[in-house]
PDB file of N, CA and C in Angstrom:
ATOM      1  N   UNK A   1       0.830  -1.201   0.000  1.00  0.00           N
ATOM      2  CA  UNK A   1       0.000   0.000   0.000  1.00  0.00           C
ATOM      3  C   UNK A   1       0.865   1.251   0.000  1.00  0.00           C
ATOM      4  N   UNK A   2       0.354   2.259  -0.682  1.00  0.00           N
ATOM      5  CA  UNK A   2       1.031   3.555  -0.760  1.00  0.00           C
ATOM      6  C   UNK A   2       0.054   4.626  -0.289  1.00  0.00           C
ATOM      7  N   UNK A   3       0.518   5.515   0.550  1.00  0.00           N
ATOM      8  CA  UNK A   3      -0.286   6.647   0.992  1.00  0.00           C
ATOM      9  C   UNK A   3       0.310   7.926   0.403  1.00  0.00           C
ATOM     10  N   UNK A   4      -0.569   8.784  -0.080  1.00  0.00           N
ATOM     11  CA  UNK A   4      -0.166  10.044  -0.691  1.00  0.00           C
ATOM     12  C   UNK A   4      -0.888  11.188   0.005  1.00  0.00           C
ATOM     13  N   UNK A   5      -0.142  12.189   0.432  1.00  0.00           N
ATOM     14  CA  UNK A   5      -0.730  13.326   1.138  1.00  0.00           C
ATOM     15  C   UNK A   5      -0.309  14.619   0.456  1.00  0.00           C
ATOM     16  N   UNK A   6      -1.312  15.377   0.008  1.00  0.00           N
ATOM     17  CA  UNK A   6      -1.048  16.648  -0.675  1.00  0.00           C
ATOM     18  C   UNK A   6      -1.072  17.805   0.304  1.00  0.00           C
ATOM     19  N   UNK A   7      -0.393  18.882  -0.103  1.00  0.00           N
ATOM     20  CA  UNK A   7      -0.456  20.133   0.645  1.00  0.00           C
ATOM     21  C   UNK A   7      -0.220  21.284  -0.320  1.00  0.00           C
ATOM     22  N   UNK A   8      -0.678  22.477   0.075  1.00  0.00           N
ATOM     23  CA  UNK A   8      -0.349  23.670  -0.684  1.00  0.00           C
ATOM     24  C   UNK A   8      -1.474  24.291  -1.481  1.00  0.00           C
ATOM     25  N   UNK A   9      -2.663  23.736  -1.465  1.00  0.00           N
ATOM     26  CA  UNK A   9      -3.754  24.344  -2.212  1.00  0.00           C
ATOM     27  C   UNK A   9      -4.235  25.621  -1.559  1.00  0.00           C
ATOM     28  N   UNK A  10      -5.129  26.334  -2.260  1.00  0.00           N
ATOM     29  CA  UNK A  10      -5.681  27.554  -1.705  1.00  0.00           C
ATOM     30  C   UNK A  10      -6.235  28.461  -2.770  1.00  0.00           C
ATOM     31  N   UNK A  11      -6.448  29.702  -2.381  1.00  0.00           N
ATOM     32  CA  UNK A  11      -7.005  30.720  -3.276  1.00  0.00           C
ATOM     33  C   UNK A  11      -5.873  31.591  -3.822  1.00  0.00           C
ATOM     34  N   UNK A  12      -5.885  31.811  -5.128  1.00  0.00           N
ATOM     35  CA  UNK A  12      -4.870  32.644  -5.760  1.00  0.00           C
ATOM     36  C   UNK A  12      -5.530  33.470  -6.855  1.00  0.00           C
ATOM     37  N   UNK A  13      -5.002  34.656  -7.087  1.00  0.00           N
ATOM     38  CA  UNK A  13      -5.565  35.525  -8.122  1.00  0.00           C
ATOM     39  C   UNK A  13      -5.089  35.089  -9.506  1.00  0.00           C
ATOM     40  N   UNK A  14      -5.863  35.396 -10.528  1.00  0.00           N
ATOM     41  CA  UNK A  14      -5.415  35.105 -11.901  1.00  0.00           C
ATOM     42  C   UNK A  14      -4.051  35.728 -12.181  1.00  0.00           C
ATOM     43  N   UNK A  15      -3.198  34.946 -12.830  1.00  0.00           N
ATOM     44  CA  UNK A  15      -1.841  35.393 -13.103  1.00  0.00           C
ATOM     45  C   UNK A  15      -0.855  35.064 -12.006  1.00  0.00           C
ATOM     46  N   UNK A  16      -1.355  34.590 -10.886  1.00  0.00           N
ATOM     47  CA  UNK A  16      -0.498  34.289  -9.751  1.00  0.00           C
ATOM     48  C   UNK A  16       0.130  32.914  -9.836  1.00  0.00           C
ATOM     49  N   UNK A  17       0.852  32.573  -8.771  1.00  0.00           N
ATOM     50  CA  UNK A  17       1.560  31.302  -8.696  1.00  0.00           C
ATOM     51  C   UNK A  17       1.195  30.573  -7.412  1.00  0.00           C
ATOM     52  N   UNK A  18       1.360  29.276  -7.470  1.00  0.00           N
ATOM     53  CA  UNK A  18       1.088  28.430  -6.303  1.00  0.00           C
ATOM     54  C   UNK A  18       1.893  27.154  -6.448  1.00  0.00           C
ATOM     55  N   UNK A  19       2.316  26.600  -5.331  1.00  0.00           N
ATOM     56  CA  UNK A  19       3.097  25.362  -5.354  1.00  0.00           C
ATOM     57  C   UNK A  19       2.394  24.299  -4.537  1.00  0.00           C
ATOM     58  N   UNK A  20       2.221  23.138  -5.141  1.00  0.00           N
ATOM     59  CA  UNK A  20       1.651  21.984  -4.467  1.00  0.00           C
ATOM     60  C   UNK A  20       2.757  20.978  -4.171  1.00  0.00           C
ATOM     61  N   UNK A  21       2.596  20.275  -3.064  1.00  0.00           N
ATOM     62  CA  UNK A  21       3.539  19.229  -2.704  1.00  0.00           C
ATOM     63  C   UNK A  21       2.785  17.970  -2.330  1.00  0.00           C
ATOM     64  N   UNK A  22       3.431  16.837  -2.546  1.00  0.00           N
ATOM     65  CA  UNK A  22       2.837  15.552  -2.204  1.00  0.00           C
ATOM     66  C   UNK A  22       3.932  14.659  -1.644  1.00  0.00           C
ATOM     67  N   UNK A  23       3.632  14.022  -0.520  1.00  0.00           N
ATOM     68  CA  UNK A  23       4.575  13.103   0.096  1.00  0.00           C
ATOM     69  C   UNK A  23       3.999  11.691   0.083  1.00  0.00           C
ATOM     70  N   UNK A  24       4.814  10.758  -0.327  1.00  0.00           N
ATOM     71  CA  UNK A  24       4.402   9.353  -0.368  1.00  0.00           C
ATOM     72  C   UNK A  24       4.995   8.605   0.813  1.00  0.00           C
ATOM     73  N   UNK A  25       4.245   7.640   1.299  1.00  0.00           N
ATOM     74  CA  UNK A  25       4.721   6.765   2.370  1.00  0.00           C
ATOM     75  C   UNK A  25       4.175   5.362   2.132  1.00  0.00           C
ATOM     76  N   UNK A  26       4.688   4.421   2.890  1.00  0.00           N
ATOM     77  CA  UNK A  26       4.263   3.039   2.709  1.00  0.00           C
ATOM     78  C   UNK A  26       5.225   2.304   1.796  1.00  0.00           C
ATOM     79  N   UNK A  27       4.713   1.583   0.842  1.00  0.00           N
ATOM     80  CA  UNK A  27       5.515   0.769  -0.067  1.00  0.00           C
ATOM     81  C   UNK A  27       6.073   1.610  -1.202  1.00  0.00           C
ATOM     82  N   UNK A  28       6.885   2.602  -0.842  1.00  0.00           N
ATOM     83  CA  UNK A  28       7.365   3.571  -1.832  1.00  0.00           C
ATOM     84  C   UNK A  28       8.304   2.933  -2.847  1.00  0.00           C
ATOM     85  N   UNK A  29       8.896   1.805  -2.507  1.00  0.00           N
ATOM     86  CA  UNK A  29       9.808   1.137  -3.431  1.00  0.00           C
ATOM     87  C   UNK A  29       9.078   0.651  -4.674  1.00  0.00           C
ATOM     88  N   UNK A  30       7.761   0.507  -4.554  1.00  0.00           N
ATOM     89  CA  UNK A  30       6.967  -0.023  -5.665  1.00  0.00           C
ATOM     90  C   UNK A  30       6.523   1.058  -6.651  1.00  0.00           C
ATOM     91  N   UNK A  31       6.789   2.320  -6.313  1.00  0.00           N
ATOM     92  CA  UNK A  31       6.298   3.422  -7.151  1.00  0.00           C
ATOM     93  C   UNK A  31       7.180   3.612  -8.373  1.00  0.00           C
ATOM     94  N   UNK A  32       6.548   3.692  -9.552  1.00  0.00           N
ATOM     95  CA  UNK A  32       7.244   4.002 -10.776  1.00  0.00           C
ATOM     96  C   UNK A  32       6.971   5.453 -11.175  1.00  0.00           C
ATOM     97  N   UNK A  33       5.713   5.793 -11.282  1.00  0.00           N
ATOM     98  CA  UNK A  33       5.316   7.128 -11.737  1.00  0.00           C
ATOM     99  C   UNK A  33       4.651   7.883 -10.596  1.00  0.00           C
ATOM    100  N   UNK A  34       4.983   9.160 -10.464  1.00  0.00           N
ATOM    101  CA  UNK A  34       4.292  10.057  -9.529  1.00  0.00           C
ATOM    102  C   UNK A  34       3.910  11.325 -10.262  1.00  0.00           C
ATOM    103  N   UNK A  35       2.843  11.938  -9.807  1.00  0.00           N
ATOM    104  CA  UNK A  35       2.469  13.183 -10.454  1.00  0.00           C
ATOM    105  C   UNK A  35       1.154  13.728  -9.977  1.00  0.00           C
ATOM    106  N   UNK A  36       0.503  14.459 -10.888  1.00  0.00           N
ATOM    107  CA  UNK A  36      -0.699  15.195 -10.524  1.00  0.00           C
ATOM    108  C   UNK A  36      -1.768  15.080 -11.616  1.00  0.00           C
ATOM    109  N   UNK A  37      -2.995  14.938 -11.164  1.00  0.00           N
ATOM    110  CA  UNK A  37      -4.178  15.056 -11.991  1.00  0.00           C
ATOM    111  C   UNK A  37      -5.082  16.099 -11.330  1.00  0.00           C
ATOM    112  N   UNK A  38      -6.066  16.560 -12.074  1.00  0.00           N
ATOM    113  CA  UNK A  38      -7.025  17.504 -11.503  1.00  0.00           C
ATOM    114  C   UNK A  38      -8.425  17.222 -12.022  1.00  0.00           C
ATOM    115  N   UNK A  39      -9.395  17.668 -11.240  1.00  0.00           N
ATOM    116  CA  UNK A  39     -10.788  17.502 -11.642  1.00  0.00           C
ATOM    117  C   UNK A  39     -11.552  18.765 -11.284  1.00  0.00           C
ATOM    118  N   UNK A  40     -12.062  19.408 -12.306  1.00  0.00           N
ATOM    119  CA  UNK A  40     -12.884  20.602 -12.129  1.00  0.00           C
ATOM    120  C   UNK A  40     -14.345  20.190 -11.985  1.00  0.00           C
ATOM    121  N   UNK A  41     -15.171  21.041 -11.392  1.00  0.00           N
ATOM    122  CA  UNK A  41     -16.588  20.695 -11.231  1.00  0.00           C
ATOM    123  C   UNK A  41     -17.240  20.368 -12.561  1.00  0.00           C
ATOM    124  N   UNK A  42     -17.908  19.224 -12.615  1.00  0.00           N
ATOM    125  CA  UNK A  42     -18.623  18.832 -13.815  1.00  0.00           C
ATOM    126  C   UNK A  42     -17.759  18.284 -14.926  1.00  0.00           C
ATOM    127  N   UNK A  43     -16.470  18.114 -14.656  1.00  0.00           N
ATOM    128  CA  UNK A  43     -15.559  17.622 -15.687  1.00  0.00           C
ATOM    129  C   UNK A  43     -14.871  16.343 -15.235  1.00  0.00           C
ATOM    130  N   UNK A  44     -14.285  15.637 -16.196  1.00  0.00           N
ATOM    131  CA  UNK A  44     -13.545  14.428 -15.876  1.00  0.00           C
ATOM    132  C   UNK A  44     -12.158  14.778 -15.344  1.00  0.00           C
ATOM    133  N   UNK A  45     -11.615  13.831 -14.603  1.00  0.00           N
ATOM    134  CA  UNK A  45     -10.252  14.014 -14.103  1.00  0.00           C
ATOM    135  C   UNK A  45      -9.285  14.029 -15.287  1.00  0.00           C
ATOM    136  N   UNK A  46      -8.323  14.971 -15.263  1.00  0.00           N
ATOM    137  CA  UNK A  46      -7.399  15.089 -16.384  1.00  0.00           C
ATOM    138  C   UNK A  46      -5.961  15.148 -15.901  1.00  0.00           C
ATOM    139  N   UNK A  47      -5.067  14.769 -16.790  1.00  0.00           N
ATOM    140  CA  UNK A  47      -3.642  14.787 -16.506  1.00  0.00           C
ATOM    141  C   UNK A  47      -3.138  16.217 -16.352  1.00  0.00           C
ATOM    142  N   UNK A  48      -2.322  16.433 -15.335  1.00  0.00           N
ATOM    143  CA  UNK A  48      -1.592  17.694 -15.195  1.00  0.00           C
ATOM    144  C   UNK A  48      -0.119  17.447 -15.503  1.00  0.00           C
ATOM    145  N   UNK A  49       0.519  16.597 -14.712  1.00  0.00           N
ATOM    146  CA  UNK A  49       1.925  16.265 -14.945  1.00  0.00           C
ATOM    147  C   UNK A  49       2.251  14.968 -14.232  1.00  0.00           C
ATOM    148  N   UNK A  50       2.950  14.077 -14.920  1.00  0.00           N
ATOM    149  CA  UNK A  50       3.439  12.856 -14.279  1.00  0.00           C
ATOM    150  C   UNK A  50       4.921  12.722 -14.568  1.00  0.00           C
ATOM    151  N   UNK A  51       5.626  12.150 -13.620  1.00  0.00           N
ATOM    152  CA  UNK A  51       7.079  12.048 -13.705  1.00  0.00           C
ATOM    153  C   UNK A  51       7.489  10.605 -13.421  1.00  0.00           C
ATOM    154  N   UNK A  52       8.273  10.041 -14.332  1.00  0.00           N
ATOM    155  CA  UNK A  52       8.746   8.682 -14.130  1.00  0.00           C
ATOM    156  C   UNK A  52       9.931   8.662 -13.171  1.00  0.00           C
ATOM    157  N   UNK A  53      10.338   7.470 -12.800  1.00  0.00           N
ATOM    158  CA  UNK A  53      11.462   7.315 -11.876  1.00  0.00           C
ATOM    159  C   UNK A  53      12.761   7.891 -12.429  1.00  0.00           C
ATOM    160  N   UNK A  54      12.895   7.893 -13.747  1.00  0.00           N
ATOM    161  CA  UNK A  54      14.114   8.432 -14.355  1.00  0.00           C
ATOM    162  C   UNK A  54      13.995   9.900 -14.723  1.00  0.00           C
ATOM    163  N   UNK A  55      12.912  10.551 -14.262  1.00  0.00           N
ATOM    164  CA  UNK A  55      12.801  11.993 -14.404  1.00  0.00           C
ATOM    165  C   UNK A  55      12.081  12.502 -15.627  1.00  0.00           C
ATOM    166  N   UNK A  56      11.545  11.613 -16.445  1.00  0.00           N
ATOM    167  CA  UNK A  56      10.815  12.056 -17.625  1.00  0.00           C
ATOM    168  C   UNK A  56       9.461  12.621 -17.200  1.00  0.00           C
ATOM    169  N   UNK A  57       9.134  13.810 -17.695  1.00  0.00           N
ATOM    170  CA  UNK A  57       7.900  14.498 -17.315  1.00  0.00           C
ATOM    171  C   UNK A  57       6.957  14.559 -18.505  1.00  0.00           C
ATOM    172  N   UNK A  58       5.718  14.240 -18.268  1.00  0.00           N
ATOM    173  CA  UNK A  58       4.678  14.340 -19.287  1.00  0.00           C
ATOM    174  C   UNK A  58       3.617  15.308 -18.771  1.00  0.00           C
ATOM    175  N   UNK A  59       3.344  16.363 -19.547  1.00  0.00           N
ATOM    176  CA  UNK A  59       2.380  17.384 -19.139  1.00  0.00           C
ATOM    177  C   UNK A  59       1.087  17.297 -19.932  1.00  0.00           C
ATOM    178  N   UNK A  60      -0.006  17.695 -19.279  1.00  0.00           N
ATOM    179  CA  UNK A  60      -1.240  17.875 -19.999  1.00  0.00           C
ATOM    180  C   UNK A  60      -1.143  19.100 -20.901  1.00  0.00           C
ATOM    181  N   UNK A  61      -1.844  19.082 -22.019  1.00  0.00           N
ATOM    182  CA  UNK A  61      -1.729  20.162 -22.988  1.00  0.00           C
ATOM    183  C   UNK A  61      -2.108  21.520 -22.403  1.00  0.00           C
ATOM    184  N   UNK A  62      -3.061  21.540 -21.514  1.00  0.00           N
ATOM    185  CA  UNK A  62      -3.574  22.811 -21.007  1.00  0.00           C
ATOM    186  C   UNK A  62      -2.613  23.501 -20.034  1.00  0.00           C
ATOM    187  N   UNK A  63      -1.589  22.799 -19.569  1.00  0.00           N
ATOM    188  CA  UNK A  63      -0.688  23.397 -18.584  1.00  0.00           C
ATOM    189  C   UNK A  63       0.737  23.541 -19.092  1.00  0.00           C
ATOM    190  N   UNK A  64       1.018  23.056 -20.285  1.00  0.00           N
ATOM    191  CA  UNK A  64       2.374  23.134 -20.822  1.00  0.00           C
ATOM    192  C   UNK A  64       2.852  24.580 -20.879  1.00  0.00           C
ATOM    193  N   UNK A  65       4.077  24.794 -20.419  1.00  0.00           N
ATOM    194  CA  UNK A  65       4.659  26.126 -20.421  1.00  0.00           C
ATOM    195  C   UNK A  65       4.304  26.960 -19.208  1.00  0.00           C
ATOM    196  N   UNK A  66       3.364  26.506 -18.405  1.00  0.00           N
ATOM    197  CA  UNK A  66       2.950  27.262 -17.205  1.00  0.00           C
ATOM    198  C   UNK A  66       3.223  26.503 -15.909  1.00  0.00           C
ATOM    199  N   UNK A  67       3.115  25.218 -15.968  1.00  0.00           N
ATOM    200  CA  UNK A  67       3.318  24.379 -14.777  1.00  0.00           C
ATOM    201  C   UNK A  67       4.612  23.590 -14.917  1.00  0.00           C
ATOM    202  N   UNK A  68       5.257  23.339 -13.774  1.00  0.00           N
ATOM    203  CA  UNK A  68       6.477  22.550 -13.768  1.00  0.00           C
ATOM    204  C   UNK A  68       6.387  21.481 -12.681  1.00  0.00           C
ATOM    205  N   UNK A  69       6.540  20.238 -13.093  1.00  0.00           N
ATOM    206  CA  UNK A  69       6.539  19.136 -12.144  1.00  0.00           C
ATOM    207  C   UNK A  69       7.953  18.755 -11.765  1.00  0.00           C
ATOM    208  N   UNK A  70       8.147  18.395 -10.513  1.00  0.00           N
ATOM    209  CA  UNK A  70       9.465  17.948 -10.063  1.00  0.00           C
ATOM    210  C   UNK A  70       9.289  16.828  -9.043  1.00  0.00           C
ATOM    211  N   UNK A  71      10.316  16.025  -8.940  1.00  0.00           N
ATOM    212  CA  UNK A  71      10.221  14.849  -8.083  1.00  0.00           C
ATOM    213  C   UNK A  71      11.546  14.641  -7.356  1.00  0.00           C
ATOM    214  N   UNK A  72      11.468  14.270  -6.095  1.00  0.00           N
ATOM    215  CA  UNK A  72      12.641  13.949  -5.291  1.00  0.00           C
ATOM    216  C   UNK A  72      12.504  12.496  -4.851  1.00  0.00           C
ATOM    217  N   UNK A  73      13.196  11.604  -5.524  1.00  0.00           N
ATOM    218  CA  UNK A  73      13.054  10.184  -5.216  1.00  0.00           C
ATOM    219  C   UNK A  73      13.576   9.855  -3.818  1.00  0.00           C
ATOM    220  N   UNK A  74      14.600  10.556  -3.374  1.00  0.00           N
ATOM    221  CA  UNK A  74      15.161  10.295  -2.052  1.00  0.00           C
ATOM    222  C   UNK A  74      14.157  10.621  -0.943  1.00  0.00           C
ATOM    223  N   UNK A  75      13.350  11.633  -1.182  1.00  0.00           N
ATOM    224  CA  UNK A  75      12.355  12.048  -0.176  1.00  0.00           C
ATOM    225  C   UNK A  75      10.969  11.497  -0.475  1.00  0.00           C
ATOM    226  N   UNK A  76      10.817  10.862  -1.618  1.00  0.00           N
ATOM    227  CA  UNK A  76       9.503  10.328  -2.044  1.00  0.00           C
ATOM    228  C   UNK A  76       8.470  11.444  -2.109  1.00  0.00           C
ATOM    229  N   UNK A  77       8.857  12.536  -2.721  1.00  0.00           N
ATOM    230  CA  UNK A  77       7.940  13.666  -2.867  1.00  0.00           C
ATOM    231  C   UNK A  77       7.832  14.065  -4.332  1.00  0.00           C
ATOM    232  N   UNK A  78       6.721  14.691  -4.644  1.00  0.00           N
ATOM    233  CA  UNK A  78       6.518  15.261  -5.971  1.00  0.00           C
ATOM    234  C   UNK A  78       5.859  16.616  -5.783  1.00  0.00           C
ATOM    235  N   UNK A  79       6.359  17.608  -6.502  1.00  0.00           N
ATOM    236  CA  UNK A  79       5.841  18.968  -6.390  1.00  0.00           C
ATOM    237  C   UNK A  79       5.290  19.430  -7.730  1.00  0.00           C
ATOM    238  N   UNK A  80       4.444  20.435  -7.649  1.00  0.00           N
ATOM    239  CA  UNK A  80       3.904  21.057  -8.854  1.00  0.00           C
ATOM    240  C   UNK A  80       3.961  22.561  -8.663  1.00  0.00           C
ATOM    241  N   UNK A  81       4.803  23.208  -9.440  1.00  0.00           N
ATOM    242  CA  UNK A  81       4.892  24.666  -9.435  1.00  0.00           C
ATOM    243  C   UNK A  81       3.976  25.196 -10.521  1.00  0.00           C
ATOM    244  N   UNK A  82       2.980  25.974 -10.120  1.00  0.00           N
ATOM    245  CA  UNK A  82       1.989  26.485 -11.057  1.00  0.00           C
ATOM    246  C   UNK A  82       2.160  27.989 -11.195  1.00  0.00           C
ATOM    247  N   UNK A  83       2.281  28.454 -12.414  1.00  0.00           N
ATOM    248  CA  UNK A  83       2.446  29.875 -12.685  1.00  0.00           C
ATOM    249  C   UNK A  83       1.429  30.316 -13.723  1.00  0.00           C
ATOM    250  N   UNK A  84       1.268  31.630 -13.834  1.00  0.00           N
ATOM    251  CA  UNK A  84       0.318  32.197 -14.808  1.00  0.00           C
ATOM    252  C   UNK A  84      -1.040  31.514 -14.696  1.00  0.00           C
ATOM    253  N   UNK A  85      -1.509  31.389 -13.471  1.00  0.00           N
ATOM    254  CA  UNK A  85      -2.752  30.656 -13.233  1.00  0.00           C
ATOM    255  C   UNK A  85      -3.948  31.374 -13.831  1.00  0.00           C
ATOM    256  N   UNK A  86      -4.886  30.568 -14.316  1.00  0.00           N
ATOM    257  CA  UNK A  86      -6.102  31.068 -14.940  1.00  0.00           C
ATOM    258  C   UNK A  86      -7.308  30.553 -14.162  1.00  0.00           C
ATOM    259  N   UNK A  87      -8.440  31.229 -14.273  1.00  0.00           N
ATOM    260  CA  UNK A  87      -9.637  30.730 -13.586  1.00  0.00           C
ATOM    261  C   UNK A  87      -9.979  29.288 -13.968  1.00  0.00           C
ATOM    262  N   UNK A  88      -9.676  28.914 -15.207  1.00  0.00           N
ATOM    263  CA  UNK A  88      -9.985  27.547 -15.631  1.00  0.00           C
ATOM    264  C   UNK A  88      -9.053  26.501 -15.022  1.00  0.00           C
ATOM    265  N   UNK A  89      -8.045  26.936 -14.283  1.00  0.00           N
ATOM    266  CA  UNK A  89      -7.202  26.007 -13.540  1.00  0.00           C
ATOM    267  C   UNK A  89      -7.843  25.615 -12.204  1.00  0.00           C
ATOM    268  N   UNK A  90      -8.931  26.260 -11.868  1.00  0.00           N
ATOM    269  CA  UNK A  90      -9.626  25.930 -10.628  1.00  0.00           C
ATOM    270  C   UNK A  90     -10.090  24.479 -10.657  1.00  0.00           C
ATOM    271  N   UNK A  91      -9.683  23.728  -9.650  1.00  0.00           N
ATOM    272  CA  UNK A  91      -9.992  22.297  -9.611  1.00  0.00           C
ATOM    273  C   UNK A  91      -9.484  21.711  -8.305  1.00  0.00           C
ATOM    274  N   UNK A  92      -9.880  20.478  -8.051  1.00  0.00           N
ATOM    275  CA  UNK A  92      -9.244  19.694  -7.002  1.00  0.00           C
ATOM    276  C   UNK A  92      -8.069  18.973  -7.644  1.00  0.00           C
ATOM    277  N   UNK A  93      -6.910  19.149  -7.070  1.00  0.00           N
ATOM    278  CA  UNK A  93      -5.690  18.548  -7.598  1.00  0.00           C
ATOM    279  C   UNK A  93      -5.348  17.312  -6.768  1.00  0.00           C
ATOM    280  N   UNK A  94      -5.150  16.217  -7.474  1.00  0.00           N
ATOM    281  CA  UNK A  94      -4.897  14.935  -6.827  1.00  0.00           C
ATOM    282  C   UNK A  94      -3.464  14.473  -7.097  1.00  0.00           C
ATOM    283  N   UNK A  95      -2.801  14.056  -6.055  1.00  0.00           N
ATOM    284  CA  UNK A  95      -1.504  13.424  -6.214  1.00  0.00           C
ATOM    285  C   UNK A  95      -1.726  11.988  -6.671  1.00  0.00           C
ATOM    286  N   UNK A  96      -0.864  11.555  -7.581  1.00  0.00           N
ATOM    287  CA  UNK A  96      -1.005  10.225  -8.164  1.00  0.00           C
ATOM    288  C   UNK A  96       0.296   9.438  -8.016  1.00  0.00           C
ATOM    289  N   UNK A  97       0.143   8.156  -7.724  1.00  0.00           N
ATOM    290  CA  UNK A  97       1.293   7.267  -7.702  1.00  0.00           C
ATOM    291  C   UNK A  97       0.946   5.978  -8.424  1.00  0.00           C
ATOM    292  N   UNK A  98       1.747   5.633  -9.393  1.00  0.00           N
ATOM    293  CA  UNK A  98       1.541   4.396 -10.137  1.00  0.00           C
ATOM    294  C   UNK A  98       2.690   3.440  -9.900  1.00  0.00           C
ATOM    295  N   UNK A  99       2.376   2.203  -9.599  1.00  0.00           N
ATOM    296  CA  UNK A  99       3.428   1.247  -9.266  1.00  0.00           C
ATOM    297  C   UNK A  99       3.866   0.447 -10.489  1.00  0.00           C
ATOM    298  N   UNK A 100       4.966  -0.274 -10.321  1.00  0.00           N
ATOM    299  CA  UNK A 100       5.453  -1.163 -11.371  1.00  0.00           C
ATOM    300  C   UNK A 100       4.435  -2.277 -11.638  1.00  0.00           C
ATOM    301  N   UNK A 101       3.648  -2.595 -10.631  1.00  0.00           N
ATOM    302  CA  UNK A 101       2.607  -3.602 -10.796  1.00  0.00           C
ATOM    303  C   UNK A 101       1.305  -3.039 -11.350  1.00  0.00           C
ATOM    304  N   UNK A 102       1.373  -1.770 -11.821  1.00  0.00           N
ATOM    305  CA  UNK A 102       0.238  -1.093 -12.466  1.00  0.00           C
ATOM    306  C   UNK A 102      -0.935  -0.902 -11.525  1.00  0.00           C
ATOM    307  N   UNK A 103      -0.631  -0.688 -10.239  1.00  0.00           N
ATOM    308  CA  UNK A 103      -1.658  -0.284  -9.289  1.00  0.00           C
ATOM    309  C   UNK A 103      -1.611   1.227  -9.144  1.00  0.00           C
ATOM    310  N   UNK A 104      -2.788   1.849  -9.144  1.00  0.00           N
ATOM    311  CA  UNK A 104      -2.867   3.297  -9.037  1.00  0.00           C
ATOM    312  C   UNK A 104      -3.273   3.714  -7.630  1.00  0.00           C
ATOM    313  N   UNK A 105      -2.580   4.708  -7.102  1.00  0.00           N
ATOM    314  CA  UNK A 105      -2.918   5.276  -5.804  1.00  0.00           C
ATOM    315  C   UNK A 105      -3.194   6.764  -5.968  1.00  0.00           C
ATOM    316  N   UNK A 106      -4.110   7.254  -5.129  1.00  0.00           N
ATOM    317  CA  UNK A 106      -4.502   8.661  -5.202  1.00  0.00           C
ATOM    318  C   UNK A 106      -4.499   9.282  -3.816  1.00  0.00           C
ATOM    319  N   UNK A 107      -4.116  10.539  -3.762  1.00  0.00           N
ATOM    320  CA  UNK A 107      -4.293  11.310  -2.551  1.00  0.00           C
ATOM    321  C   UNK A 107      -5.742  11.752  -2.429  1.00  0.00           C
ATOM    322  N   UNK A 108      -6.051  12.418  -1.324  1.00  0.00           N
ATOM    323  CA  UNK A 108      -7.433  12.865  -1.102  1.00  0.00           C
ATOM    324  C   UNK A 108      -7.758  14.122  -1.886  1.00  0.00           C
ATOM    325  N   UNK A 109      -6.741  14.814  -2.359  1.00  0.00           N
ATOM    326  CA  UNK A 109      -6.955  16.004  -3.166  1.00  0.00           C
ATOM    327  C   UNK A 109      -6.816  17.289  -2.378  1.00  0.00           C
ATOM    328  N   UNK A 110      -6.421  18.345  -3.083  1.00  0.00           N
ATOM    329  CA  UNK A 110      -6.324  19.666  -2.491  1.00  0.00           C
ATOM    330  C   UNK A 110      -6.943  20.664  -3.477  1.00  0.00           C
ATOM    331  N   UNK A 111      -7.754  21.561  -2.954  1.00  0.00           N
ATOM    332  CA  UNK A 111      -8.494  22.485  -3.808  1.00  0.00           C
ATOM    333  C   UNK A 111      -7.645  23.704  -4.157  1.00  0.00           C
ATOM    334  N   UNK A 112      -7.615  23.999  -5.446  1.00  0.00           N
ATOM    335  CA  UNK A 112      -6.984  25.221  -5.948  1.00  0.00           C
ATOM    336  C   UNK A 112      -8.074  26.068  -6.588  1.00  0.00           C
ATOM    337  N   UNK A 113      -8.210  27.287  -6.102  1.00  0.00           N
ATOM    338  CA  UNK A 113      -9.203  28.212  -6.639  1.00  0.00           C
ATOM    339  C   UNK A 113      -8.498  29.437  -7.185  1.00  0.00           C
ATOM    340  N   UNK A 114      -8.728  29.709  -8.464  1.00  0.00           N
ATOM    341  CA  UNK A 114      -8.124  30.880  -9.104  1.00  0.00           C
ATOM    342  C   UNK A 114      -9.238  31.884  -9.361  1.00  0.00           C
ATOM    343  N   UNK A 115      -9.215  32.958  -8.607  1.00  0.00           N
ATOM    344  CA  UNK A 115     -10.294  33.937  -8.688  1.00  0.00           C
ATOM    345  C   UNK A 115      -9.820  35.273  -8.144  1.00  0.00           C
ATOM    346  N   UNK A 116     -10.389  36.333  -8.703  1.00  0.00           N
ATOM    347  CA  UNK A 116     -10.076  37.666  -8.194  1.00  0.00           C
ATOM    348  C   UNK A 116     -11.101  38.091  -7.157  1.00  0.00           C
TER     349      UNK A 116
END
């Protein structure tokens, strides 16, 4: 089992920045991919950024050039630096962990609200 705990959500004005962090615990040796997904009201959950064990990052199209994902394997953490935030970035952001055995784990989510 893997536990994922997010932190760093909140209210930010359009054009602002915010940083999310996620810490993994439990069977961390089994984790291959870590990253972030988000779900806005009335919409499906979508990819934000995922990072493989060797550091390869895959971004969702809507956040490319604005968001930066990073991962610290030694600390079992994954961060998301969000810049140039837009109201449409408002969503619950979920930390994701995928294992080599293709089991998916999710955090409880942290709300990001972009509004003036």
